[in-house]
Amino acid sequence: MRWRLAFLGALLLPDLPLDPFRGGLAASLRHPLGTDDLGRDALLRLLLASARSLGFASACALLGLALGFLLAWRGNRLRGAWSALRSLPPLLFLIPLAANLGGLSSLPLGLLLGGLLAPHLEPALRVRLDPLRHSPAWSGERLLGAPWPSTLRRWAPWGWQQAAALLPSAWLGALWGEATLSALGLGPGPGHDSLGRLLAEELPRLGSDPSLLGWGAMAAVLLLAWVSVESRRA
């Protein structure tokens, strides 16, 4: 879990400079994977985009868990609404949203992904929280009138432990969600790179004009999928 949170620092990395006059260079010692159409070193772009997407997925997963925690704790009256929302295919409103808005910056995209993840995390969090909600320990807290800061301080580590168990699933959903939204046109613009944007650009070219950057992006995706599966088994 810690290695996922460590990538939050990648969100602060600067973007690579654009140099269209050096775009499309072949692989060389200076540029092992060549350069892309905007003149960025393809290897550096692949590493930066992967690290930034990993950090973005961690941030979205934390947001989704926080929202899901609130829904599970306070959303009993609207439980039917959340269930209906989970049954709707996200593409029903994502495609019209992409057609009307175009690309989104990182903050709106993160809020959108966190909001999409929260209803799906809510049932698992509710199952973990209900035993506490109906336990004598929690009833005793309320009967004794304990102030909420002390209650939060006492139970926050337990709540984090319950939410942290779902972080790998939420992180994986956010990672592939960012790639899907980028493919739909809801990803960041060319100046703010990400693995999803790189995949949206390079994968259609693999069948006709394959590049080392495209194959590198595909290898990065397969590696991330394998690491995610292995970490969930552990």
C-alpha atoms as a PDB file:
ATOM      1  CA  MET A   1       0.000   0.000   0.000  1.00  0.00           C
ATOM      2  CA  ARG A   2       2.802   2.418   0.882  1.00  0.00           C
ATOM      3  CA  TRP A   3       4.376   2.307  -2.552  1.00  0.00           C
ATOM      4  CA  ARG A   4       1.088   3.530  -4.041  1.00  0.00           C
ATOM      5  CA  LEU A   5       0.978   6.516  -1.721  1.00  0.00           C
ATOM      6  CA  ALA A   6       4.640   7.290  -2.413  1.00  0.00           C
ATOM      7  CA  PHE A   7       3.741   8.136  -6.012  1.00  0.00           C
ATOM      8  CA  LEU A   8       1.665  11.109  -4.817  1.00  0.00           C
ATOM      9  CA  GLY A   9       4.897  13.068  -5.039  1.00  0.00           C
ATOM     10  CA  ALA A  10       4.970  12.500  -8.801  1.00  0.00           C
ATOM     11  CA  LEU A  11       2.030  14.914  -9.149  1.00  0.00           C
ATOM     12  CA  LEU A  12       4.459  17.753  -8.375  1.00  0.00           C
ATOM     13  CA  LEU A  13       6.919  16.872 -11.171  1.00  0.00           C
ATOM     14  CA  PRO A  14       7.167  19.477 -13.954  1.00  0.00           C
ATOM     15  CA  ASP A  15       6.057  18.749 -17.499  1.00  0.00           C
ATOM     16  CA  LEU A  16       8.593  17.981 -20.202  1.00  0.00           C
ATOM     17  CA  PRO A  17       9.392  20.924 -22.491  1.00  0.00           C
ATOM     18  CA  LEU A  18       7.862  20.863 -25.974  1.00  0.00           C
ATOM     19  CA  ASP A  19      10.124  21.136 -29.030  1.00  0.00           C
ATOM     20  CA  PRO A  20       8.097  20.379 -32.187  1.00  0.00           C
ATOM     21  CA  PHE A  21      11.162  20.954 -34.404  1.00  0.00           C
ATOM     22  CA  ARG A  22      12.729  17.810 -32.915  1.00  0.00           C
ATOM     23  CA  GLY A  23       9.554  15.742 -33.166  1.00  0.00           C
ATOM     24  CA  GLY A  24       9.522  12.240 -34.605  1.00  0.00           C
ATOM     25  CA  LEU A  25      13.240  11.510 -34.198  1.00  0.00           C
ATOM     26  CA  ALA A  26      14.293   7.875 -34.467  1.00  0.00           C
ATOM     27  CA  ALA A  27      15.802   5.934 -31.572  1.00  0.00           C
ATOM     28  CA  SER A  28      19.391   6.910 -30.776  1.00  0.00           C
ATOM     29  CA  LEU A  29      21.835   6.903 -27.895  1.00  0.00           C
ATOM     30  CA  ARG A  30      20.547  10.309 -26.799  1.00  0.00           C
ATOM     31  CA  HIS A  31      16.895   9.278 -27.170  1.00  0.00           C
ATOM     32  CA  PRO A  32      16.638   5.483 -26.644  1.00  0.00           C
ATOM     33  CA  LEU A  33      12.965   5.428 -27.702  1.00  0.00           C
ATOM     34  CA  GLY A  34      13.172   8.414 -30.026  1.00  0.00           C
ATOM     35  CA  THR A  35      10.994  11.480 -29.593  1.00  0.00           C
ATOM     36  CA  ASP A  36       7.244  11.937 -29.931  1.00  0.00           C
ATOM     37  CA  ASP A  37       5.485  14.321 -32.324  1.00  0.00           C
ATOM     38  CA  LEU A  38       5.981  17.260 -29.955  1.00  0.00           C
ATOM     39  CA  GLY A  39       9.710  16.678 -29.509  1.00  0.00           C
ATOM     40  CA  ARG A  40       9.631  15.161 -26.009  1.00  0.00           C
ATOM     41  CA  ASP A  41      12.057  12.356 -25.232  1.00  0.00           C
ATOM     42  CA  ALA A  42       9.874   9.245 -25.497  1.00  0.00           C
ATOM     43  CA  LEU A  43      11.547   7.348 -22.653  1.00  0.00           C
ATOM     44  CA  LEU A  44      11.318  10.287 -20.249  1.00  0.00           C
ATOM     45  CA  ARG A  45       7.728  10.839 -21.304  1.00  0.00           C
ATOM     46  CA  LEU A  46       6.847   7.197 -20.654  1.00  0.00           C
ATOM     47  CA  LEU A  47       8.453   7.286 -17.184  1.00  0.00           C
ATOM     48  CA  LEU A  48       6.907  10.625 -16.239  1.00  0.00           C
ATOM     49  CA  ALA A  49       3.465   9.725 -17.556  1.00  0.00           C
ATOM     50  CA  SER A  50       3.497   6.393 -15.718  1.00  0.00           C
ATOM     51  CA  ALA A  51       4.650   7.921 -12.414  1.00  0.00           C
ATOM     52  CA  ARG A  52       2.168  10.767 -12.665  1.00  0.00           C
ATOM     53  CA  SER A  53      -0.719   8.413 -13.444  1.00  0.00           C
ATOM     54  CA  LEU A  54       0.233   6.209 -10.483  1.00  0.00           C
ATOM     55  CA  GLY A  55       0.160   9.234  -8.198  1.00  0.00           C
ATOM     56  CA  PHE A  56      -3.090  10.465  -9.727  1.00  0.00           C
ATOM     57  CA  ALA A  57      -4.644   7.027  -9.184  1.00  0.00           C
ATOM     58  CA  SER A  58      -3.562   7.112  -5.530  1.00  0.00           C
ATOM     59  CA  ALA A  59      -5.133  10.539  -5.027  1.00  0.00           C
ATOM     60  CA  CYS A  60      -8.380   9.466  -6.729  1.00  0.00           C
ATOM     61  CA  ALA A  61      -8.478   6.240  -4.706  1.00  0.00           C
ATOM     62  CA  LEU A  62      -8.121   8.173  -1.440  1.00  0.00           C
ATOM     63  CA  LEU A  63     -10.867  10.563  -2.519  1.00  0.00           C
ATOM     64  CA  GLY A  64     -13.143   7.688  -3.553  1.00  0.00           C
ATOM     65  CA  LEU A  65     -12.552   5.922  -0.240  1.00  0.00           C
ATOM     66  CA  ALA A  66     -13.296   9.101   1.717  1.00  0.00           C
ATOM     67  CA  LEU A  67     -16.536   9.699  -0.200  1.00  0.00           C
ATOM     68  CA  GLY A  68     -17.466   6.024   0.045  1.00  0.00           C
ATOM     69  CA  PHE A  69     -16.830   6.145   3.797  1.00  0.00           C
ATOM     70  CA  LEU A  70     -19.228   9.084   4.132  1.00  0.00           C
ATOM     71  CA  LEU A  71     -21.856   7.316   2.042  1.00  0.00           C
ATOM     72  CA  ALA A  72     -21.535   4.146   4.093  1.00  0.00           C
ATOM     73  CA  TRP A  73     -21.734   6.021   7.398  1.00  0.00           C
ATOM     74  CA  ARG A  74     -24.389   8.630   6.619  1.00  0.00           C
ATOM     75  CA  GLY A  75     -26.102   7.419   3.452  1.00  0.00           C
ATOM     76  CA  ASN A  76     -28.622   4.910   4.820  1.00  0.00           C
ATOM     77  CA  ARG A  77     -31.615   6.965   3.675  1.00  0.00           C
ATOM     78  CA  LEU A  78     -30.268   7.121   0.127  1.00  0.00           C
ATOM     79  CA  ARG A  79     -29.057   3.526  -0.095  1.00  0.00           C
ATOM     80  CA  GLY A  80     -31.550   2.750  -2.873  1.00  0.00           C
ATOM     81  CA  ALA A  81     -30.326   5.727  -4.891  1.00  0.00           C
ATOM     82  CA  TRP A  82     -26.711   4.579  -4.644  1.00  0.00           C
ATOM     83  CA  SER A  83     -27.738   1.073  -5.689  1.00  0.00           C
ATOM     84  CA  ALA A  84     -29.550   2.456  -8.751  1.00  0.00           C
ATOM     85  CA  LEU A  85     -26.558   4.638  -9.595  1.00  0.00           C
ATOM     86  CA  ARG A  86     -24.224   1.628  -9.500  1.00  0.00           C
ATOM     87  CA  SER A  87     -26.434  -0.204 -11.989  1.00  0.00           C
ATOM     88  CA  LEU A  88     -26.175   2.559 -14.607  1.00  0.00           C
ATOM     89  CA  PRO A  89     -23.378   2.214 -17.191  1.00  0.00           C
ATOM     90  CA  PRO A  90     -21.052   5.223 -16.710  1.00  0.00           C
ATOM     91  CA  LEU A  91     -20.769   5.624 -20.497  1.00  0.00           C
ATOM     92  CA  LEU A  92     -24.382   6.851 -20.571  1.00  0.00           C
ATOM     93  CA  PHE A  93     -23.293  10.205 -19.165  1.00  0.00           C
ATOM     94  CA  LEU A  94     -19.527  10.135 -19.818  1.00  0.00           C
ATOM     95  CA  ILE A  95     -19.850  10.210 -23.611  1.00  0.00           C
ATOM     96  CA  PRO A  96     -22.221  13.260 -23.632  1.00  0.00           C
ATOM     97  CA  LEU A  97     -19.954  14.884 -21.044  1.00  0.00           C
ATOM     98  CA  ALA A  98     -16.922  14.352 -23.266  1.00  0.00           C
ATOM     99  CA  ALA A  99     -18.787  15.712 -26.292  1.00  0.00           C
ATOM    100  CA  ASN A 100     -19.740  18.903 -24.459  1.00  0.00           C
ATOM    101  CA  LEU A 101     -16.699  19.584 -22.281  1.00  0.00           C
ATOM    102  CA  GLY A 102     -13.732  18.127 -24.122  1.00  0.00           C
ATOM    103  CA  GLY A 103     -10.619  17.661 -21.989  1.00  0.00           C
ATOM    104  CA  LEU A 104     -10.629  18.227 -18.238  1.00  0.00           C
ATOM    105  CA  SER A 105      -7.809  19.495 -16.077  1.00  0.00           C
ATOM    106  CA  SER A 106      -6.428  17.290 -13.329  1.00  0.00           C
ATOM    107  CA  LEU A 107      -8.624  18.577 -10.487  1.00  0.00           C
ATOM    108  CA  PRO A 108     -12.030  18.163 -12.210  1.00  0.00           C
ATOM    109  CA  LEU A 109     -10.901  14.825 -13.639  1.00  0.00           C
ATOM    110  CA  GLY A 110      -9.858  13.628 -10.173  1.00  0.00           C
ATOM    111  CA  LEU A 111     -13.172  14.726  -8.656  1.00  0.00           C
ATOM    112  CA  LEU A 112     -15.048  12.929 -11.422  1.00  0.00           C
ATOM    113  CA  LEU A 113     -13.079   9.710 -10.928  1.00  0.00           C
ATOM    114  CA  GLY A 114     -13.440   9.863  -7.148  1.00  0.00           C
ATOM    115  CA  GLY A 115     -17.183  10.373  -7.522  1.00  0.00           C
ATOM    116  CA  LEU A 116     -17.444   7.406  -9.877  1.00  0.00           C
ATOM    117  CA  LEU A 117     -15.524   5.146  -7.493  1.00  0.00           C
ATOM    118  CA  ALA A 118     -17.372   6.094  -4.292  1.00  0.00           C
ATOM    119  CA  PRO A 119     -20.746   4.353  -4.961  1.00  0.00           C
ATOM    120  CA  HIS A 120     -18.953   1.109  -5.823  1.00  0.00           C
ATOM    121  CA  LEU A 121     -16.814   1.249  -2.665  1.00  0.00           C
ATOM    122  CA  GLU A 122     -19.777   2.056  -0.421  1.00  0.00           C
ATOM    123  CA  PRO A 123     -21.185  -1.516  -0.043  1.00  0.00           C
ATOM    124  CA  ALA A 124     -17.836  -3.006   1.007  1.00  0.00           C
ATOM    125  CA  LEU A 125     -17.219  -0.157   3.443  1.00  0.00           C
ATOM    126  CA  ARG A 126     -20.745  -0.452   4.862  1.00  0.00           C
ATOM    127  CA  VAL A 127     -20.192  -4.158   5.569  1.00  0.00           C
ATOM    128  CA  ARG A 128     -17.047  -3.244   7.501  1.00  0.00           C
ATOM    129  CA  LEU A 129     -18.598  -0.320   9.377  1.00  0.00           C
ATOM    130  CA  ASP A 130     -21.967  -1.806  10.379  1.00  0.00           C
ATOM    131  CA  PRO A 131     -20.514  -4.065  13.123  1.00  0.00           C
ATOM    132  CA  LEU A 132     -19.022  -0.978  14.789  1.00  0.00           C
ATOM    133  CA  ARG A 133     -22.191   1.059  14.327  1.00  0.00           C
ATOM    134  CA  HIS A 134     -24.243  -1.598  16.190  1.00  0.00           C
ATOM    135  CA  SER A 135     -21.617  -2.488  18.790  1.00  0.00           C
ATOM    136  CA  PRO A 136     -21.861  -1.702  22.535  1.00  0.00           C
ATOM    137  CA  ALA A 137     -18.616   0.278  22.293  1.00  0.00           C
ATOM    138  CA  TRP A 138     -20.095   2.775  19.840  1.00  0.00           C
ATOM    139  CA  SER A 139     -23.395   2.953  21.731  1.00  0.00           C
ATOM    140  CA  GLY A 140     -21.448   3.671  24.899  1.00  0.00           C
ATOM    141  CA  GLU A 141     -19.671   6.564  23.194  1.00  0.00           C
ATOM    142  CA  ARG A 142     -23.012   8.142  22.296  1.00  0.00           C
ATOM    143  CA  LEU A 143     -24.627   7.536  25.686  1.00  0.00           C
ATOM    144  CA  LEU A 144     -21.689   9.046  27.535  1.00  0.00           C
ATOM    145  CA  GLY A 145     -21.786  12.098  25.290  1.00  0.00           C
ATOM    146  CA  ALA A 146     -18.177  11.895  24.206  1.00  0.00           C
ATOM    147  CA  PRO A 147     -17.156  14.931  22.109  1.00  0.00           C
ATOM    148  CA  TRP A 148     -16.615  14.185  18.441  1.00  0.00           C
ATOM    149  CA  PRO A 149     -12.878  15.165  18.395  1.00  0.00           C
ATOM    150  CA  SER A 150     -12.045  12.528  21.003  1.00  0.00           C
ATOM    151  CA  THR A 151     -14.262   9.959  19.261  1.00  0.00           C
ATOM    152  CA  LEU A 152     -12.568  10.698  15.947  1.00  0.00           C
ATOM    153  CA  ARG A 153      -9.120  10.440  17.515  1.00  0.00           C
ATOM    154  CA  ARG A 154     -10.009   7.101  19.098  1.00  0.00           C
ATOM    155  CA  TRP A 155     -11.616   5.453  16.087  1.00  0.00           C
ATOM    156  CA  ALA A 156      -9.766   7.055  13.161  1.00  0.00           C
ATOM    157  CA  PRO A 157      -6.963   4.414  13.117  1.00  0.00           C
ATOM    158  CA  TRP A 158      -9.562   1.637  12.993  1.00  0.00           C
ATOM    159  CA  GLY A 159     -11.472   3.393  10.190  1.00  0.00           C
ATOM    160  CA  TRP A 160      -8.261   3.878   8.201  1.00  0.00           C
ATOM    161  CA  GLN A 161      -7.441   0.201   8.607  1.00  0.00           C
ATOM    162  CA  GLN A 162     -10.839  -0.753   7.173  1.00  0.00           C
ATOM    163  CA  ALA A 163     -10.520   1.655   4.263  1.00  0.00           C
ATOM    164  CA  ALA A 164      -6.880   0.739   3.556  1.00  0.00           C
ATOM    165  CA  ALA A 165      -7.900  -2.864   2.862  1.00  0.00           C
ATOM    166  CA  LEU A 166      -9.860  -1.567  -0.142  1.00  0.00           C
ATOM    167  CA  LEU A 167      -7.147   0.796  -1.394  1.00  0.00           C
ATOM    168  CA  PRO A 168      -5.632  -1.655  -3.951  1.00  0.00           C
ATOM    169  CA  SER A 169      -8.995  -2.195  -5.656  1.00  0.00           C
ATOM    170  CA  ALA A 170      -9.808   1.520  -5.601  1.00  0.00           C
ATOM    171  CA  TRP A 171      -6.327   2.364  -6.907  1.00  0.00           C
ATOM    172  CA  LEU A 172      -6.596  -0.086  -9.782  1.00  0.00           C
ATOM    173  CA  GLY A 173     -10.056   1.225 -10.686  1.00  0.00           C
ATOM    174  CA  ALA A 174      -8.760   4.803 -10.686  1.00  0.00           C
ATOM    175  CA  LEU A 175      -5.729   3.887 -12.803  1.00  0.00           C
ATOM    176  CA  TRP A 176      -7.756   2.245 -15.549  1.00  0.00           C
ATOM    177  CA  GLY A 177     -10.514   4.830 -15.161  1.00  0.00           C
ATOM    178  CA  GLU A 178      -8.069   7.603 -15.986  1.00  0.00           C
ATOM    179  CA  ALA A 179      -6.943   5.730 -19.092  1.00  0.00           C
ATOM    180  CA  THR A 180     -10.567   5.149 -20.161  1.00  0.00           C
ATOM    181  CA  LEU A 181     -11.565   8.782 -19.657  1.00  0.00           C
ATOM    182  CA  SER A 182      -8.504   9.911 -21.616  1.00  0.00           C
ATOM    183  CA  ALA A 183      -9.524   7.617 -24.467  1.00  0.00           C
ATOM    184  CA  LEU A 184     -12.992   9.225 -24.402  1.00  0.00           C
ATOM    185  CA  GLY A 185     -11.460  12.695 -24.676  1.00  0.00           C
ATOM    186  CA  LEU A 186     -11.928  13.679 -21.023  1.00  0.00           C
ATOM    187  CA  GLY A 187      -8.252  13.478 -20.148  1.00  0.00           C
ATOM    188  CA  PRO A 188      -5.795  16.360 -19.673  1.00  0.00           C
ATOM    189  CA  GLY A 189      -4.489  18.433 -22.550  1.00  0.00           C
ATOM    190  CA  PRO A 190      -1.170  17.874 -24.357  1.00  0.00           C
ATOM    191  CA  GLY A 191       0.782  19.978 -21.861  1.00  0.00           C
ATOM    192  CA  HIS A 192      -0.150  17.774 -18.882  1.00  0.00           C
ATOM    193  CA  ASP A 193       0.918  14.239 -19.675  1.00  0.00           C
ATOM    194  CA  SER A 194      -0.419  10.995 -18.249  1.00  0.00           C
ATOM    195  CA  LEU A 195      -0.331   7.312 -19.047  1.00  0.00           C
ATOM    196  CA  GLY A 196      -3.938   7.466 -20.197  1.00  0.00           C
ATOM    197  CA  ARG A 197      -3.200  10.217 -22.687  1.00  0.00           C
ATOM    198  CA  LEU A 198      -0.128   8.380 -23.937  1.00  0.00           C
ATOM    199  CA  LEU A 199      -2.171   5.221 -24.491  1.00  0.00           C
ATOM    200  CA  ALA A 200      -4.937   7.147 -26.248  1.00  0.00           C
ATOM    201  CA  GLU A 201      -2.339   8.564 -28.648  1.00  0.00           C
ATOM    202  CA  GLU A 202      -0.181   5.522 -29.272  1.00  0.00           C
ATOM    203  CA  LEU A 203      -2.415   2.443 -29.192  1.00  0.00           C
ATOM    204  CA  PRO A 204      -4.337   3.269 -32.412  1.00  0.00           C
ATOM    205  CA  ARG A 205      -0.984   3.488 -34.210  1.00  0.00           C
ATOM    206  CA  LEU A 206       0.284   0.074 -33.185  1.00  0.00           C
ATOM    207  CA  GLY A 207      -1.548  -1.677 -36.002  1.00  0.00           C
ATOM    208  CA  SER A 208      -0.317   0.595 -38.810  1.00  0.00           C
ATOM    209  CA  ASP A 209       2.731   2.608 -37.722  1.00  0.00           C
ATOM    210  CA  PRO A 210       4.064   1.082 -34.479  1.00  0.00           C
ATOM    211  CA  SER A 211       6.520   3.123 -32.462  1.00  0.00           C
ATOM    212  CA  LEU A 212       8.834   2.226 -29.604  1.00  0.00           C
ATOM    213  CA  LEU A 213       6.846   4.594 -27.388  1.00  0.00           C
ATOM    214  CA  GLY A 214       3.637   2.691 -28.179  1.00  0.00           C
ATOM    215  CA  TRP A 215       5.198  -0.663 -27.382  1.00  0.00           C
ATOM    216  CA  GLY A 216       6.707   0.819 -24.229  1.00  0.00           C
ATOM    217  CA  ALA A 217       3.289   2.074 -23.146  1.00  0.00           C
ATOM    218  CA  MET A 218       1.784  -1.359 -23.746  1.00  0.00           C
ATOM    219  CA  ALA A 219       4.583  -2.988 -21.713  1.00  0.00           C
ATOM    220  CA  ALA A 220       4.010  -0.485 -18.887  1.00  0.00           C
ATOM    221  CA  VAL A 221       0.301  -1.338 -18.790  1.00  0.00           C
ATOM    222  CA  LEU A 222       0.973  -5.085 -18.692  1.00  0.00           C
ATOM    223  CA  LEU A 223       3.581  -4.603 -15.949  1.00  0.00           C
ATOM    224  CA  LEU A 224       1.195  -2.490 -13.855  1.00  0.00           C
ATOM    225  CA  ALA A 225      -1.579  -5.053 -14.297  1.00  0.00           C
ATOM    226  CA  TRP A 226       0.733  -7.859 -13.189  1.00  0.00           C
ATOM    227  CA  VAL A 227       2.032  -5.903 -10.174  1.00  0.00           C
ATOM    228  CA  SER A 228      -1.535  -5.047  -9.148  1.00  0.00           C
ATOM    229  CA  VAL A 229      -2.691  -8.664  -9.343  1.00  0.00           C
ATOM    230  CA  GLU A 230       0.337  -9.933  -7.423  1.00  0.00           C
ATOM    231  CA  SER A 231      -0.043  -7.291  -4.723  1.00  0.00           C
ATOM    232  CA  ARG A 232      -3.692  -8.188  -4.228  1.00  0.00           C
ATOM    233  CA  ARG A 233      -2.768 -11.866  -3.851  1.00  0.00           C
ATOM    234  CA  ALA A 234      -0.225 -10.956  -1.206  1.00  0.00           C
END
